[in-house]
All heavy atoms as atom14 arrays in JSON, in Angstrom:
{
  "sequence": "NAAEIEATVRPLLAAEAFLVQPFVPAIMTQGEDSLM",
  "atom14_mask": [
    [1, 1, 1, 1, 1, 1, 1, 1, 0, 0, 0, 0, 0, 0],
    [1, 1, 1, 1, 1, 0, 0, 0, 0, 0, 0, 0, 0, 0],
    [1, 1, 1, 1, 1, 0, 0, 0, 0, 0, 0, 0, 0, 0],
    [1, 1, 1, 1, 1, 1, 1, 1, 1, 0, 0, 0, 0, 0],
    [1, 1, 1, 1, 1, 1, 1, 1, 0, 0, 0, 0, 0, 0],
    [1, 1, 1, 1, 1, 1, 1, 1, 1, 0, 0, 0, 0, 0],
    [1, 1, 1, 1, 1, 0, 0, 0, 0, 0, 0, 0, 0, 0],
    [1, 1, 1, 1, 1, 1, 1, 0, 0, 0, 0, 0, 0, 0],
    [1, 1, 1, 1, 1, 1, 1, 0, 0, 0, 0, 0, 0, 0],
    [1, 1, 1, 1, 1, 1, 1, 1, 1, 1, 1, 0, 0, 0],
    [1, 1, 1, 1, 1, 1, 1, 0, 0, 0, 0, 0, 0, 0],
    [1, 1, 1, 1, 1, 1, 1, 1, 0, 0, 0, 0, 0, 0],
    [1, 1, 1, 1, 1, 1, 1, 1, 0, 0, 0, 0, 0, 0],
    [1, 1, 1, 1, 1, 0, 0, 0, 0, 0, 0, 0, 0, 0],
    [1, 1, 1, 1, 1, 0, 0, 0, 0, 0, 0, 0, 0, 0],
    [1, 1, 1, 1, 1, 1, 1, 1, 1, 0, 0, 0, 0, 0],
    [1, 1, 1, 1, 1, 0, 0, 0, 0, 0, 0, 0, 0, 0],
    [1, 1, 1, 1, 1, 1, 1, 1, 1, 1, 1, 0, 0, 0],
    [1, 1, 1, 1, 1, 1, 1, 1, 0, 0, 0, 0, 0, 0],
    [1, 1, 1, 1, 1, 1, 1, 0, 0, 0, 0, 0, 0, 0],
    [1, 1, 1, 1, 1, 1, 1, 1, 1, 0, 0, 0, 0, 0],
    [1, 1, 1, 1, 1, 1, 1, 0, 0, 0, 0, 0, 0, 0],
    [1, 1, 1, 1, 1, 1, 1, 1, 1, 1, 1, 0, 0, 0],
    [1, 1, 1, 1, 1, 1, 1, 0, 0, 0, 0, 0, 0, 0],
    [1, 1, 1, 1, 1, 1, 1, 0, 0, 0, 0, 0, 0, 0],
    [1, 1, 1, 1, 1, 0, 0, 0, 0, 0, 0, 0, 0, 0],
    [1, 1, 1, 1, 1, 1, 1, 1, 0, 0, 0, 0, 0, 0],
    [1, 1, 1, 1, 1, 1, 1, 1, 0, 0, 0, 0, 0, 0],
    [1, 1, 1, 1, 1, 1, 1, 0, 0, 0, 0, 0, 0, 0],
    [1, 1, 1, 1, 1, 1, 1, 1, 1, 0, 0, 0, 0, 0],
    [1, 1, 1, 1, 0, 0, 0, 0, 0, 0, 0, 0, 0, 0],
    [1, 1, 1, 1, 1, 1, 1, 1, 1, 0, 0, 0, 0, 0],
    [1, 1, 1, 1, 1, 1, 1, 1, 0, 0, 0, 0, 0, 0],
    [1, 1, 1, 1, 1, 1, 0, 0, 0, 0, 0, 0, 0, 0],
    [1, 1, 1, 1, 1, 1, 1, 1, 0, 0, 0, 0, 0, 0],
    [1, 1, 1, 1, 1, 1, 1, 1, 0, 0, 0, 0, 0, 0]
  ],
  "atom14_positions": [
    [[67.32, 49.57, 182.03], [68.68, 49.05, 182.0], [69.74, 50.15, 182.09], [70.93, 49.91, 181.87], [68.93, 48.2, 180.74], [68.96, 49.02, 179.46], [68.79, 50.24, 179.47], [69.18, 48.36, 178.34], [0.0, 0.0, 0.0], [0.0, 0.0, 0.0], [0.0, 0.0, 0.0], [0.0, 0.0, 0.0], [0.0, 0.0, 0.0], [0.0, 0.0, 0.0]],
    [[69.31, 51.38, 182.4], [70.24, 52.52, 182.42], [71.4, 52.29, 183.37], [72.55, 52.61, 183.05], [69.48, 53.79, 182.79], [0.0, 0.0, 0.0], [0.0, 0.0, 0.0], [0.0, 0.0, 0.0], [0.0, 0.0, 0.0], [0.0, 0.0, 0.0], [0.0, 0.0, 0.0], [0.0, 0.0, 0.0], [0.0, 0.0, 0.0], [0.0, 0.0, 0.0]],
    [[71.14, 51.74, 184.54], [72.21, 51.53, 185.52], [73.23, 50.52, 184.98], [74.45, 50.71, 185.16], [71.62, 51.05, 186.84], [0.0, 0.0, 0.0], [0.0, 0.0, 0.0], [0.0, 0.0, 0.0], [0.0, 0.0, 0.0], [0.0, 0.0, 0.0], [0.0, 0.0, 0.0], [0.0, 0.0, 0.0], [0.0, 0.0, 0.0], [0.0, 0.0, 0.0]],
    [[72.75, 49.47, 184.32], [73.65, 48.45, 183.77], [74.54, 49.05, 182.66], [75.76, 48.83, 182.64], [72.83, 47.3, 183.21], [73.64, 46.21, 182.54], [72.75, 45.19, 181.85], [71.53, 45.18, 182.09], [73.3, 44.38, 181.05], [0.0, 0.0, 0.0], [0.0, 0.0, 0.0], [0.0, 0.0, 0.0], [0.0, 0.0, 0.0], [0.0, 0.0, 0.0]],
    [[73.93, 49.8, 181.74], [74.71, 50.41, 180.65], [75.66, 51.45, 181.2], [76.81, 51.57, 180.77], [73.77, 51.04, 179.6], [72.84, 49.97, 179.0], [74.57, 51.73, 178.52], [73.55, 48.84, 178.3], [0.0, 0.0, 0.0], [0.0, 0.0, 0.0], [0.0, 0.0, 0.0], [0.0, 0.0, 0.0], [0.0, 0.0, 0.0], [0.0, 0.0, 0.0]],
    [[75.22, 52.21, 182.18], [76.07, 53.23, 182.79], [77.31, 52.59, 183.41], [78.43, 53.12, 183.28], [75.29, 54.0, 183.85], [76.08, 55.12, 184.5], [75.24, 55.94, 185.47], [74.06, 56.2, 185.16], [75.77, 56.31, 186.53], [0.0, 0.0, 0.0], [0.0, 0.0, 0.0], [0.0, 0.0, 0.0], [0.0, 0.0, 0.0], [0.0, 0.0, 0.0]],
    [[77.15, 51.44, 184.05], [78.29, 50.75, 184.65], [79.28, 50.3, 183.59], [80.5, 50.28, 183.83], [77.8, 49.55, 185.47], [0.0, 0.0, 0.0], [0.0, 0.0, 0.0], [0.0, 0.0, 0.0], [0.0, 0.0, 0.0], [0.0, 0.0, 0.0], [0.0, 0.0, 0.0], [0.0, 0.0, 0.0], [0.0, 0.0, 0.0], [0.0, 0.0, 0.0]],
    [[78.77, 49.94, 182.42], [79.65, 49.52, 181.32], [80.41, 50.7, 180.73], [81.61, 50.59, 180.42], [78.81, 48.85, 180.21], [78.15, 47.7, 180.75], [79.68, 48.43, 179.04], [0.0, 0.0, 0.0], [0.0, 0.0, 0.0], [0.0, 0.0, 0.0], [0.0, 0.0, 0.0], [0.0, 0.0, 0.0], [0.0, 0.0, 0.0], [0.0, 0.0, 0.0]],
    [[79.73, 51.82, 180.59], [80.32, 52.99, 179.93], [81.19, 53.81, 180.86], [82.17, 54.44, 180.42], [79.2, 53.85, 179.32], [79.74, 55.18, 178.79], [78.48, 53.09, 178.2], [0.0, 0.0, 0.0], [0.0, 0.0, 0.0], [0.0, 0.0, 0.0], [0.0, 0.0, 0.0], [0.0, 0.0, 0.0], [0.0, 0.0, 0.0], [0.0, 0.0, 0.0]],
    [[80.89, 53.79, 182.15], [81.59, 54.67, 183.1], [83.11, 54.57, 183.01], [83.8, 55.61, 182.95], [81.14, 54.38, 184.53], [81.66, 55.39, 185.55], [81.24, 55.03, 186.97], [79.8, 54.95, 187.11], [79.13, 53.85, 187.44], [79.78, 52.71, 187.67], [77.82, 53.87, 187.56], [0.0, 0.0, 0.0], [0.0, 0.0, 0.0], [0.0, 0.0, 0.0]],
    [[83.71, 53.38, 182.98], [85.18, 53.32, 182.88], [85.71, 53.9, 181.57], [86.83, 54.43, 181.54], [85.48, 51.82, 182.97], [84.27, 51.2, 183.57], [83.12, 52.03, 183.11], [0.0, 0.0, 0.0], [0.0, 0.0, 0.0], [0.0, 0.0, 0.0], [0.0, 0.0, 0.0], [0.0, 0.0, 0.0], [0.0, 0.0, 0.0], [0.0, 0.0, 0.0]],
    [[84.92, 53.82, 180.51], [85.35, 54.33, 179.21], [85.38, 55.84, 179.17], [86.13, 56.44, 178.4], [84.41, 53.81, 178.11], [84.26, 52.28, 178.02], [83.19, 51.91, 177.0], [85.58, 51.63, 177.68], [0.0, 0.0, 0.0], [0.0, 0.0, 0.0], [0.0, 0.0, 0.0], [0.0, 0.0, 0.0], [0.0, 0.0, 0.0], [0.0, 0.0, 0.0]],
    [[84.56, 56.48, 180.02], [84.49, 57.94, 180.05], [85.79, 58.59, 180.51], [86.01, 59.78, 180.28], [83.35, 58.41, 180.96], [81.97, 58.51, 180.33], [80.92, 58.75, 181.4], [81.92, 59.61, 179.28], [0.0, 0.0, 0.0], [0.0, 0.0, 0.0], [0.0, 0.0, 0.0], [0.0, 0.0, 0.0], [0.0, 0.0, 0.0], [0.0, 0.0, 0.0]],
    [[86.64, 57.82, 181.14], [87.93, 58.38, 181.56], [88.78, 58.75, 180.35], [89.63, 59.64, 180.44], [88.67, 57.36, 182.43], [0.0, 0.0, 0.0], [0.0, 0.0, 0.0], [0.0, 0.0, 0.0], [0.0, 0.0, 0.0], [0.0, 0.0, 0.0], [0.0, 0.0, 0.0], [0.0, 0.0, 0.0], [0.0, 0.0, 0.0], [0.0, 0.0, 0.0]],
    [[88.53, 58.08, 179.21], [89.38, 58.28, 178.04], [88.67, 58.91, 176.86], [89.32, 59.42, 175.95], [89.99, 56.94, 177.6], [0.0, 0.0, 0.0], [0.0, 0.0, 0.0], [0.0, 0.0, 0.0], [0.0, 0.0, 0.0], [0.0, 0.0, 0.0], [0.0, 0.0, 0.0], [0.0, 0.0, 0.0], [0.0, 0.0, 0.0], [0.0, 0.0, 0.0]],
    [[87.32, 58.87, 176.83], [86.62, 59.37, 175.65], [85.23, 59.87, 176.0], [84.63, 59.46, 176.98], [86.53, 58.29, 174.56], [85.89, 56.98, 175.01], [86.0, 55.9, 173.95], [85.98, 56.22, 172.75], [86.07, 54.72, 174.32], [0.0, 0.0, 0.0], [0.0, 0.0, 0.0], [0.0, 0.0, 0.0], [0.0, 0.0, 0.0], [0.0, 0.0, 0.0]],
    [[84.74, 60.78, 175.15], [83.4, 61.34, 175.3], [82.39, 60.44, 174.6], [82.73, 59.67, 173.69], [83.35, 62.75, 174.73], [0.0, 0.0, 0.0], [0.0, 0.0, 0.0], [0.0, 0.0, 0.0], [0.0, 0.0, 0.0], [0.0, 0.0, 0.0], [0.0, 0.0, 0.0], [0.0, 0.0, 0.0], [0.0, 0.0, 0.0], [0.0, 0.0, 0.0]],
    [[81.12, 60.56, 175.0], [80.05, 59.75, 174.42], [78.91, 60.64, 173.92], [78.69, 61.75, 174.41], [79.51, 58.75, 175.44], [80.31, 57.47, 175.49], [81.57, 57.45, 176.07], [79.81, 56.3, 174.95], [82.31, 56.27, 176.11], [80.54, 55.12, 174.98], [81.8, 55.11, 175.56], [0.0, 0.0, 0.0], [0.0, 0.0, 0.0], [0.0, 0.0, 0.0]],
    [[78.23, 60.12, 172.93], [77.05, 60.76, 172.34], [75.82, 59.94, 172.72], [75.85, 58.71, 172.65], [77.2, 60.81, 170.82], [75.95, 61.1, 169.98], [75.53, 62.56, 170.16], [76.22, 60.82, 168.5], [0.0, 0.0, 0.0], [0.0, 0.0, 0.0], [0.0, 0.0, 0.0], [0.0, 0.0, 0.0], [0.0, 0.0, 0.0], [0.0, 0.0, 0.0]],
    [[74.76, 60.63, 173.12], [73.49, 59.97, 173.43], [72.41, 60.57, 172.53], [72.25, 61.8, 172.47], [73.1, 60.13, 174.91], [71.86, 59.3, 175.23], [74.26, 59.74, 175.83], [0.0, 0.0, 0.0], [0.0, 0.0, 0.0], [0.0, 0.0, 0.0], [0.0, 0.0, 0.0], [0.0, 0.0, 0.0], [0.0, 0.0, 0.0], [0.0, 0.0, 0.0]],
    [[71.68, 59.71, 171.83], [70.6, 60.15, 170.95], [69.35, 59.32, 171.23], [69.46, 58.15, 171.6], [70.99, 59.96, 169.48], [72.15, 60.83, 169.02], [72.55, 60.55, 167.58], [72.7, 59.4, 167.18], [72.71, 61.6, 166.8], [0.0, 0.0, 0.0], [0.0, 0.0, 0.0], [0.0, 0.0, 0.0], [0.0, 0.0, 0.0], [0.0, 0.0, 0.0]],
    [[68.16, 59.88, 171.04], [66.95, 59.08, 171.23], [66.91, 57.93, 170.24], [67.37, 58.06, 169.09], [65.82, 60.08, 170.96], [66.44, 61.12, 170.08], [67.87, 61.24, 170.54], [0.0, 0.0, 0.0], [0.0, 0.0, 0.0], [0.0, 0.0, 0.0], [0.0, 0.0, 0.0], [0.0, 0.0, 0.0], [0.0, 0.0, 0.0], [0.0, 0.0, 0.0]],
    [[66.4, 56.8, 170.67], [66.25, 55.66, 169.78], [65.16, 55.98, 168.76], [64.07, 56.42, 169.12], [65.88, 54.41, 170.57], [65.71, 53.19, 169.72], [66.81, 52.55, 169.19], [64.44, 52.71, 169.43], [66.66, 51.42, 168.4], [64.28, 51.59, 168.63], [65.4, 50.94, 168.11], [0.0, 0.0, 0.0], [0.0, 0.0, 0.0], [0.0, 0.0, 0.0]],
    [[65.49, 55.78, 167.48], [64.55, 56.07, 166.4], [63.88, 54.76, 165.98], [64.54, 53.89, 165.39], [65.27, 56.72, 165.2], [64.28, 57.02, 164.09], [66.0, 57.99, 165.64], [0.0, 0.0, 0.0], [0.0, 0.0, 0.0], [0.0, 0.0, 0.0], [0.0, 0.0, 0.0], [0.0, 0.0, 0.0], [0.0, 0.0, 0.0], [0.0, 0.0, 0.0]],
    [[62.58, 54.56, 166.26], [61.93, 53.29, 165.97], [62.01, 52.87, 164.51], [62.03, 51.67, 164.2], [60.48, 53.54, 166.39], [60.56, 54.62, 167.42], [61.68, 55.49, 166.97], [0.0, 0.0, 0.0], [0.0, 0.0, 0.0], [0.0, 0.0, 0.0], [0.0, 0.0, 0.0], [0.0, 0.0, 0.0], [0.0, 0.0, 0.0], [0.0, 0.0, 0.0]],
    [[62.08, 53.84, 163.6], [62.12, 53.5, 162.17], [63.33, 52.66, 161.81], [63.33, 51.95, 160.8], [62.09, 54.78, 161.33], [0.0, 0.0, 0.0], [0.0, 0.0, 0.0], [0.0, 0.0, 0.0], [0.0, 0.0, 0.0], [0.0, 0.0, 0.0], [0.0, 0.0, 0.0], [0.0, 0.0, 0.0], [0.0, 0.0, 0.0], [0.0, 0.0, 0.0]],
    [[64.39, 52.73, 162.62], [65.57, 51.89, 162.38], [65.18, 50.42, 162.35], [65.72, 49.63, 161.58], [66.63, 52.15, 163.48], [67.29, 53.51, 163.28], [67.66, 51.05, 163.51], [68.31, 53.55, 162.15], [0.0, 0.0, 0.0], [0.0, 0.0, 0.0], [0.0, 0.0, 0.0], [0.0, 0.0, 0.0], [0.0, 0.0, 0.0], [0.0, 0.0, 0.0]],
    [[64.24, 50.04, 163.21], [63.84, 48.63, 163.33], [62.89, 48.22, 162.21], [62.79, 47.03, 161.89], [63.17, 48.38, 164.68], [64.05, 48.72, 165.87], [65.39, 47.53, 166.11], [64.49, 46.12, 166.77], [0.0, 0.0, 0.0], [0.0, 0.0, 0.0], [0.0, 0.0, 0.0], [0.0, 0.0, 0.0], [0.0, 0.0, 0.0], [0.0, 0.0, 0.0]],
    [[62.18, 49.17, 161.61], [61.14, 48.82, 160.64], [61.57, 49.09, 159.2], [61.37, 48.25, 158.32], [59.85, 49.58, 160.94], [60.12, 51.0, 160.98], [59.27, 49.15, 162.29], [0.0, 0.0, 0.0], [0.0, 0.0, 0.0], [0.0, 0.0, 0.0], [0.0, 0.0, 0.0], [0.0, 0.0, 0.0], [0.0, 0.0, 0.0], [0.0, 0.0, 0.0]],
    [[62.15, 50.27, 158.93], [62.53, 50.58, 157.56], [64.02, 50.75, 157.35], [64.5, 50.81, 156.22], [61.81, 51.84, 157.07], [62.27, 53.13, 157.72], [61.45, 54.32, 157.26], [60.22, 54.28, 157.26], [62.11, 55.39, 156.85], [0.0, 0.0, 0.0], [0.0, 0.0, 0.0], [0.0, 0.0, 0.0], [0.0, 0.0, 0.0], [0.0, 0.0, 0.0]],
    [[64.79, 50.83, 158.44], [66.23, 50.89, 158.33], [66.76, 52.32, 158.26], [66.09, 53.27, 158.64], [0.0, 0.0, 0.0], [0.0, 0.0, 0.0], [0.0, 0.0, 0.0], [0.0, 0.0, 0.0], [0.0, 0.0, 0.0], [0.0, 0.0, 0.0], [0.0, 0.0, 0.0], [0.0, 0.0, 0.0], [0.0, 0.0, 0.0], [0.0, 0.0, 0.0]],
    [[67.99, 52.42, 157.77], [68.7, 53.69, 157.67], [69.15, 53.87, 156.22], [69.66, 52.94, 155.61], [69.91, 53.67, 158.61], [70.79, 54.89, 158.56], [71.98, 54.76, 159.51], [71.76, 54.77, 160.73], [73.12, 54.61, 159.02], [0.0, 0.0, 0.0], [0.0, 0.0, 0.0], [0.0, 0.0, 0.0], [0.0, 0.0, 0.0], [0.0, 0.0, 0.0]],
    [[68.94, 55.04, 155.67], [69.28, 55.3, 154.27], [70.59, 56.08, 154.17], [70.77, 57.09, 154.87], [68.16, 56.08, 153.58], [66.87, 55.28, 153.52], [66.94, 54.04, 153.57], [65.79, 55.89, 153.43], [0.0, 0.0, 0.0], [0.0, 0.0, 0.0], [0.0, 0.0, 0.0], [0.0, 0.0, 0.0], [0.0, 0.0, 0.0], [0.0, 0.0, 0.0]],
    [[71.47, 55.61, 153.3], [72.76, 56.26, 153.08], [72.8, 56.81, 151.67], [72.62, 56.06, 150.7], [73.9, 55.26, 153.29], [74.03, 54.89, 154.64], [0.0, 0.0, 0.0], [0.0, 0.0, 0.0], [0.0, 0.0, 0.0], [0.0, 0.0, 0.0], [0.0, 0.0, 0.0], [0.0, 0.0, 0.0], [0.0, 0.0, 0.0], [0.0, 0.0, 0.0]],
    [[73.05, 58.11, 151.56], [73.13, 58.78, 150.27], [74.57, 59.21, 150.02], [75.19, 59.86, 150.87], [72.21, 60.01, 150.23], [70.71, 59.75, 150.01], [70.08, 59.04, 151.19], [69.98, 61.06, 149.74], [0.0, 0.0, 0.0], [0.0, 0.0, 0.0], [0.0, 0.0, 0.0], [0.0, 0.0, 0.0], [0.0, 0.0, 0.0], [0.0, 0.0, 0.0]],
    [[75.12, 58.83, 148.87], [76.48, 59.16, 148.51], [76.5, 60.44, 147.68], [75.7, 60.6, 146.75], [77.11, 58.02, 147.73], [77.74, 56.92, 148.59], [76.75, 56.26, 149.96], [75.6, 55.16, 149.12], [0.0, 0.0, 0.0], [0.0, 0.0, 0.0], [0.0, 0.0, 0.0], [0.0, 0.0, 0.0], [0.0, 0.0, 0.0], [0.0, 0.0, 0.0]]
  ]
}
């Protein structure tokens, strides 16, 4: 789906930068932990 997402993001790049990170599978199974 890279081409589809790229088409969505491309117009936004005119005004802002984007971050790309590998998808972490643990997000789907154990979640994300927040420490205060």
